[in-house]
């Protein structure tokens, strides 16, 4: 398969989500290259424009983890750069619980949870599947539960080849194994990844942490926070959509452009005004992200004392 022959995802195209037990499958991606033109919206807002509405009560911001309700887990489908339009429930549950974080808490820095081994494990899982070998054995890293995403990109330009995840906290061993294959083979925006593409792949694992209610739609920082919005569309239906922390920076968007893009991805077809933006309920979060390319994966595997010579964690082959 020739490198670079993959169609760019259509920003307006609905994304089919593959039903998977009770978890939430969330397709994500690189979005549409380039910036969103403000000319697409007759009434663009400026980030420095003063608000004309009455002051709103601030929500309490005490969460470190967001856990969706059962209805949200079964019905919600959003994407970090693409969204399937789905209804969401009125309420969601918010629980504390993360013990390890990339960011300082009370002045004390915590060690990262995400690791190179997680990306290498995803490579192992995909390689074994594509070559019809037994799946890798249980990995060595922690099996604590986290919301997670697995992203595949290809080539020097890091073209998106698949990205899916879940806001439902899953044990990492099973969650990474499941979403490795879901993102590589079942992202409906792309053809399934083939074995010939393996040497050109880069794998990213994102673990989502530090969920907080924002006071308004601008209460987040580009490159720092991922955002999840809940809004009511022009037909009165509740919708939800999300972008991972790196998306706005990679696309060159400001906060207004990011919000407007996210509304469109969530299926909002009406005129986007300041009132529409101010009606959004926004949850911000952070992520721990690790990216490993195929060459680094091979080097890491060869430099570590795995049980089997040919592939990490127990998936064996004669030729890699």
Protein backbone atom coordinates (compact mmCIF):
# COMPACT_ATOMS: atom_id res chain seq x y z
CA UNK A 1 0.00 0.00 0.00
CA UNK A 2 1.41 3.38 -1.00
CA UNK A 3 2.12 5.83 1.74
CA UNK A 4 -0.16 8.83 1.85
CA UNK A 5 -3.10 7.44 -0.15
CA UNK A 6 -5.66 7.93 2.57
CA UNK A 7 -8.53 10.38 2.19
CA UNK A 8 -8.79 13.26 4.59
CA UNK A 9 -11.78 12.86 6.93
CA UNK A 10 -14.81 14.93 5.94
CA UNK A 11 -15.51 17.33 8.84
CA UNK A 12 -19.26 17.14 8.19
CA UNK A 13 -19.47 13.40 7.68
CA UNK A 14 -21.12 11.37 10.43
CA UNK A 15 -18.86 8.84 12.09
CA UNK A 16 -20.16 5.34 12.63
CA UNK A 17 -19.36 4.01 16.07
CA UNK A 18 -18.94 0.27 16.48
CA UNK A 19 -21.02 -0.90 19.47
CA UNK A 20 -18.77 -2.43 22.13
CA UNK A 21 -20.35 -3.90 25.25
CA UNK A 22 -21.06 -1.10 27.72
CA UNK A 23 -18.07 1.09 26.97
CA UNK A 24 -18.10 4.34 25.04
CA UNK A 25 -16.26 4.14 21.71
CA UNK A 26 -15.00 7.57 20.84
CA UNK A 27 -13.46 8.09 17.39
CA UNK A 28 -10.97 10.90 17.16
CA UNK A 29 -8.53 12.22 14.63
CA UNK A 30 -6.50 15.01 13.17
CA UNK A 31 -9.43 17.03 11.89
CA UNK A 32 -9.31 19.09 8.74
CA UNK A 33 -5.83 20.43 7.89
CA UNK A 34 -5.44 24.16 8.09
CA UNK A 35 -7.36 26.76 9.97
CA UNK A 36 -11.10 27.25 10.13
CA UNK A 37 -12.01 30.49 8.41
CA UNK A 38 -13.95 32.97 10.47
CA UNK A 39 -15.77 33.87 7.22
CA UNK A 40 -17.74 30.66 7.60
CA UNK A 41 -19.55 32.27 10.51
CA UNK A 42 -21.12 35.71 9.96
CA UNK A 43 -20.87 36.52 13.66
CA UNK A 44 -17.45 35.43 14.88
CA UNK A 45 -16.52 36.27 18.44
CA UNK A 46 -13.25 37.70 19.63
CA UNK A 47 -11.51 36.15 22.58
CA UNK A 48 -11.04 39.62 24.06
CA UNK A 49 -14.66 40.62 23.45
CA UNK A 50 -16.43 41.47 26.73
CA UNK A 51 -19.40 39.34 27.62
CA UNK A 52 -22.81 41.05 27.42
CA UNK A 53 -24.70 38.56 29.49
CA UNK A 54 -25.39 38.59 33.19
CA UNK A 55 -22.66 37.06 35.35
CA UNK A 56 -23.16 33.33 35.83
CA UNK A 57 -22.69 31.35 38.97
CA UNK A 58 -19.43 29.45 38.99
CA UNK A 59 -19.60 25.69 39.16
CA UNK A 60 -17.53 23.89 41.72
CA UNK A 61 -14.32 22.58 40.19
CA UNK A 62 -13.23 19.76 42.41
CA UNK A 63 -13.04 16.73 40.13
CA UNK A 64 -10.01 14.76 39.11
CA UNK A 65 -11.94 12.20 37.06
CA UNK A 66 -15.12 12.24 35.00
CA UNK A 67 -17.14 9.07 34.81
CA UNK A 68 -20.14 9.04 32.43
CA UNK A 69 -23.52 7.77 33.47
CA UNK A 70 -24.67 4.43 32.12
CA UNK A 71 -26.79 6.20 29.50
CA UNK A 72 -23.85 8.34 28.39
CA UNK A 73 -21.56 5.34 28.19
CA UNK A 74 -23.97 3.54 25.90
CA UNK A 75 -25.21 6.48 23.81
CA UNK A 76 -22.49 9.13 23.70
CA UNK A 77 -20.15 9.16 20.74
CA UNK A 78 -17.72 12.03 20.36
CA UNK A 79 -14.32 12.49 18.81
CA UNK A 80 -11.20 14.45 19.50
CA UNK A 81 -11.47 15.75 15.94
CA UNK A 82 -14.68 14.16 14.77
CA UNK A 83 -18.04 13.44 16.30
CA UNK A 84 -20.90 11.11 15.61
CA UNK A 85 -24.11 12.87 16.53
CA UNK A 86 -25.68 11.15 19.49
CA UNK A 87 -27.93 12.19 22.32
CA UNK A 88 -26.58 12.26 25.84
CA UNK A 89 -28.32 11.99 29.17
CA UNK A 90 -29.14 14.94 31.38
CA UNK A 91 -26.68 14.14 34.13
CA UNK A 92 -23.32 12.46 34.58
CA UNK A 93 -21.45 11.20 37.59
CA UNK A 94 -18.20 12.78 38.71
CA UNK A 95 -15.85 10.92 41.00
CA UNK A 96 -12.39 11.51 42.39
CA UNK A 97 -9.79 8.84 42.10
CA UNK A 98 -6.60 9.47 40.14
CA UNK A 99 -3.50 8.91 42.22
CA UNK A 100 -0.81 9.69 39.66
CA UNK A 101 -0.70 12.74 37.46
CA UNK A 102 1.56 14.61 35.09
CA UNK A 103 0.72 17.85 36.85
CA UNK A 104 1.61 19.15 40.32
CA UNK A 105 -1.05 18.68 42.98
CA UNK A 106 -0.72 20.81 46.11
CA UNK A 107 2.79 21.71 45.04
CA UNK A 108 3.93 18.09 44.73
CA UNK A 109 4.74 16.69 41.31
CA UNK A 110 3.48 13.20 40.61
CA UNK A 111 5.15 10.72 38.32
CA UNK A 112 3.71 9.86 34.92
CA UNK A 113 1.52 6.82 34.46
CA UNK A 114 1.77 6.62 30.67
CA UNK A 115 4.91 4.89 29.43
CA UNK A 116 6.81 3.69 26.38
CA UNK A 117 5.85 0.14 27.33
CA UNK A 118 2.19 0.96 26.76
CA UNK A 119 2.82 2.05 23.17
CA UNK A 120 5.03 -1.00 22.58
CA UNK A 121 2.27 -3.21 23.94
CA UNK A 122 -0.14 -1.66 21.42
CA UNK A 123 2.33 -2.45 18.63
CA UNK A 124 2.58 -6.02 19.93
CA UNK A 125 -1.19 -6.42 19.94
CA UNK A 126 -1.62 -5.08 16.41
CA UNK A 127 1.30 -7.09 15.01
CA UNK A 128 0.06 -10.33 16.49
CA UNK A 129 -3.45 -9.71 15.18
CA UNK A 130 -2.31 -8.87 11.64
CA UNK A 131 -0.09 -11.97 11.49
CA UNK A 132 -2.63 -14.30 13.14
CA UNK A 133 -0.41 -15.05 16.14
CA UNK A 134 -1.56 -15.54 19.70
CA UNK A 135 -2.08 -12.27 21.50
CA UNK A 136 0.70 -10.92 23.77
CA UNK A 137 0.86 -11.97 27.37
CA UNK A 138 -0.05 -9.69 30.27
CA UNK A 139 2.18 -6.58 30.17
CA UNK A 140 4.29 -5.34 33.07
CA UNK A 141 2.89 -1.83 33.47
CA UNK A 142 0.12 -0.86 35.88
CA UNK A 143 -3.41 -2.12 35.33
CA UNK A 144 -5.14 0.82 37.02
CA UNK A 145 -8.31 2.13 35.32
CA UNK A 146 -8.19 5.27 33.15
CA UNK A 147 -10.15 6.85 30.32
CA UNK A 148 -7.90 6.33 27.31
CA UNK A 149 -7.28 6.88 23.61
CA UNK A 150 -5.10 4.99 21.14
CA UNK A 151 -3.97 6.88 18.02
CA UNK A 152 -2.23 5.57 14.91
CA UNK A 153 -0.41 7.87 12.47
CA UNK A 154 1.69 6.99 9.46
CA UNK A 155 4.67 8.29 7.52
CA UNK A 156 6.91 11.30 7.99
CA UNK A 157 3.95 13.65 7.92
CA UNK A 158 2.23 11.64 10.65
CA UNK A 159 -1.00 11.29 8.69
CA UNK A 160 -3.85 10.06 10.86
CA UNK A 161 -4.75 6.39 10.30
CA UNK A 162 -7.08 5.74 13.20
CA UNK A 163 -7.94 7.01 16.65
CA UNK A 164 -10.54 5.81 19.10
CA UNK A 165 -10.97 5.82 22.84
CA UNK A 166 -13.35 5.95 25.75
CA UNK A 167 -14.24 8.30 28.61
CA UNK A 168 -15.15 5.28 30.70
CA UNK A 169 -12.23 4.35 32.95
CA UNK A 170 -10.93 0.93 31.87
CA UNK A 171 -8.17 -1.24 33.28
CA UNK A 172 -5.16 -0.46 31.12
CA UNK A 173 -4.25 -4.02 30.14
CA UNK A 174 -7.65 -4.78 28.66
CA UNK A 175 -8.42 -1.24 27.57
CA UNK A 176 -5.25 -0.78 25.53
CA UNK A 177 -5.60 -4.23 24.02
CA UNK A 178 -9.18 -3.48 22.96
CA UNK A 179 -8.70 0.04 21.65
CA UNK A 180 -5.48 -0.83 19.83
CA UNK A 181 -7.52 -3.00 17.48
CA UNK A 182 -10.60 -0.77 17.51
CA UNK A 183 -8.62 2.30 16.46
CA UNK A 184 -6.51 0.43 13.89
CA UNK A 185 -9.25 -1.62 12.28
CA UNK A 186 -12.66 -0.13 13.07
CA UNK A 187 -12.33 3.62 12.69
CA UNK A 188 -14.91 4.04 9.93
CA UNK A 189 -13.16 7.08 8.47
CA UNK A 190 -10.26 4.94 7.27
CA UNK A 191 -9.52 1.57 5.73
CA UNK A 192 -8.21 -0.95 8.28
CA UNK A 193 -4.46 -0.82 8.82
CA UNK A 194 -2.61 -3.56 6.93
CA UNK A 195 0.51 -5.49 7.92
CA UNK A 196 2.52 -3.74 5.17
CA UNK A 197 1.98 -0.41 6.93
CA UNK A 198 3.54 -1.47 10.22
CA UNK A 199 7.05 -0.06 9.55
CA UNK A 200 5.59 3.42 8.90
CA UNK A 201 3.33 3.61 11.95
CA UNK A 202 3.52 5.75 15.06
CA UNK A 203 1.40 4.84 18.08
CA UNK A 204 0.22 7.29 20.74
CA UNK A 205 -1.42 6.40 24.04
CA UNK A 206 -3.33 9.15 25.88
CA UNK A 207 -4.58 8.73 29.45
CA UNK A 208 -7.14 11.34 30.49
CA UNK A 209 -6.92 12.97 33.93
CA UNK A 210 -7.87 16.02 36.00
CA UNK A 211 -11.45 16.62 34.83
CA UNK A 212 -12.84 20.02 35.86
CA UNK A 213 -16.01 22.01 35.20
CA UNK A 214 -15.12 25.23 33.36
CA UNK A 215 -16.79 28.50 34.33
CA UNK A 216 -17.43 29.33 30.65
CA UNK A 217 -16.51 28.27 27.12
CA UNK A 218 -13.20 30.16 27.22
CA UNK A 219 -12.02 28.79 30.56
CA UNK A 220 -9.33 26.51 29.18
CA UNK A 221 -5.82 26.76 27.71
CA UNK A 222 -4.70 25.68 24.25
CA UNK A 223 -2.11 22.92 24.40
CA UNK A 224 -2.86 22.24 28.06
CA UNK A 225 -6.50 21.17 28.27
CA UNK A 226 -8.65 18.81 26.32
CA UNK A 227 -12.27 19.94 26.23
CA UNK A 228 -15.59 18.17 26.23
CA UNK A 229 -18.68 20.24 25.46
CA UNK A 230 -22.36 19.56 26.04
CA UNK A 231 -24.87 21.69 24.16
CA UNK A 232 -28.41 21.74 22.77
CA UNK A 233 -28.65 21.82 19.00
CA UNK A 234 -31.11 23.82 16.91
CA UNK A 235 -33.65 20.99 17.22
CA UNK A 236 -33.48 20.91 21.01
CA UNK A 237 -31.45 17.69 21.29
CA UNK A 238 -28.50 17.38 23.65
CA UNK A 239 -25.15 16.70 21.99
CA UNK A 240 -21.59 16.19 23.14
CA UNK A 241 -18.16 16.42 21.52
CA UNK A 242 -14.52 16.41 22.59
CA UNK A 243 -11.05 17.41 21.43
CA UNK A 244 -7.88 16.06 23.01
CA UNK A 245 -5.40 18.65 24.35
CA UNK A 246 -3.08 18.64 21.33
CA UNK A 247 -5.73 19.16 18.64
CA UNK A 248 -6.22 22.94 18.76
CA UNK A 249 -2.49 23.60 18.77
CA UNK A 250 -1.82 21.17 15.91
CA UNK A 251 -4.56 22.76 13.79
CA UNK A 252 -3.51 26.33 14.57
CA UNK A 253 -6.88 27.24 16.05
CA UNK A 254 -7.66 29.77 18.76
CA UNK A 255 -10.26 29.00 21.42
CA UNK A 256 -13.19 30.46 19.46
CA UNK A 257 -12.28 28.51 16.33
CA UNK A 258 -11.90 25.34 18.40
CA UNK A 259 -15.31 25.77 20.03
CA UNK A 260 -16.97 26.52 16.68
CA UNK A 261 -15.34 23.50 15.07
CA UNK A 262 -16.40 21.32 17.97
CA UNK A 263 -20.00 22.53 17.68
CA UNK A 264 -20.01 21.63 13.98
CA UNK A 265 -18.46 18.25 14.72
CA UNK A 266 -21.17 17.68 17.28
CA UNK A 267 -23.82 18.27 14.65
CA UNK A 268 -24.81 21.87 15.28
CA UNK A 269 -26.04 23.22 11.92
CA UNK A 270 -27.45 26.57 12.95
CA UNK A 271 -25.82 29.98 13.12
CA UNK A 272 -23.11 30.02 15.79
CA UNK A 273 -23.58 33.16 17.87
CA UNK A 274 -22.13 34.33 21.17
CA UNK A 275 -25.34 33.21 22.87
CA UNK A 276 -24.85 29.70 21.48
CA UNK A 277 -21.26 29.63 22.70
CA UNK A 278 -22.22 30.89 26.15
CA UNK A 279 -24.88 28.17 26.46
CA UNK A 280 -22.23 25.45 26.25
CA UNK A 281 -21.37 23.39 29.29
CA UNK A 282 -17.63 22.77 29.06
CA UNK A 283 -15.54 20.23 30.92
CA UNK A 284 -11.79 20.56 30.64
CA UNK A 285 -9.27 17.83 31.27
CA UNK A 286 -5.61 17.01 30.79
CA UNK A 287 -3.89 14.00 29.35
CA UNK A 288 -0.67 12.09 29.70
CA UNK A 289 0.51 11.20 26.22
CA UNK A 290 3.29 8.98 24.91
CA UNK A 291 4.18 8.42 21.25
CA UNK A 292 6.43 5.66 19.89
CA UNK A 293 7.38 5.05 16.26
CA UNK A 294 7.92 1.61 14.78
CA UNK A 295 11.73 1.94 14.73
CA UNK A 296 11.76 2.98 18.39
CA UNK A 297 9.42 0.10 19.19
CA UNK A 298 11.80 -2.41 17.58
CA UNK A 299 14.80 -0.89 19.38
CA UNK A 300 12.98 -0.90 22.70
CA UNK A 301 11.93 -4.50 22.24
CA UNK A 302 15.44 -5.64 21.32
CA UNK A 303 17.04 -3.76 24.22
CA UNK A 304 14.76 -5.25 26.86
CA UNK A 305 14.78 -8.73 28.27
CA UNK A 306 11.48 -10.04 26.94
CA UNK A 307 10.52 -13.66 27.32
CA UNK A 308 10.61 -14.22 23.57
CA UNK A 309 13.27 -13.17 21.12
CA UNK A 310 11.14 -12.11 18.20
CA UNK A 311 8.41 -10.01 19.79
CA UNK A 312 7.67 -8.48 23.15
CA UNK A 313 5.31 -10.00 25.70
CA UNK A 314 4.97 -13.40 24.09
CA UNK A 315 3.83 -12.86 20.50
CA UNK A 316 6.40 -14.76 18.43
CA UNK A 317 7.28 -14.75 14.75
CA UNK A 318 10.16 -15.70 12.47
CA UNK A 319 10.40 -12.40 10.65
CA UNK A 320 9.23 -9.01 11.91
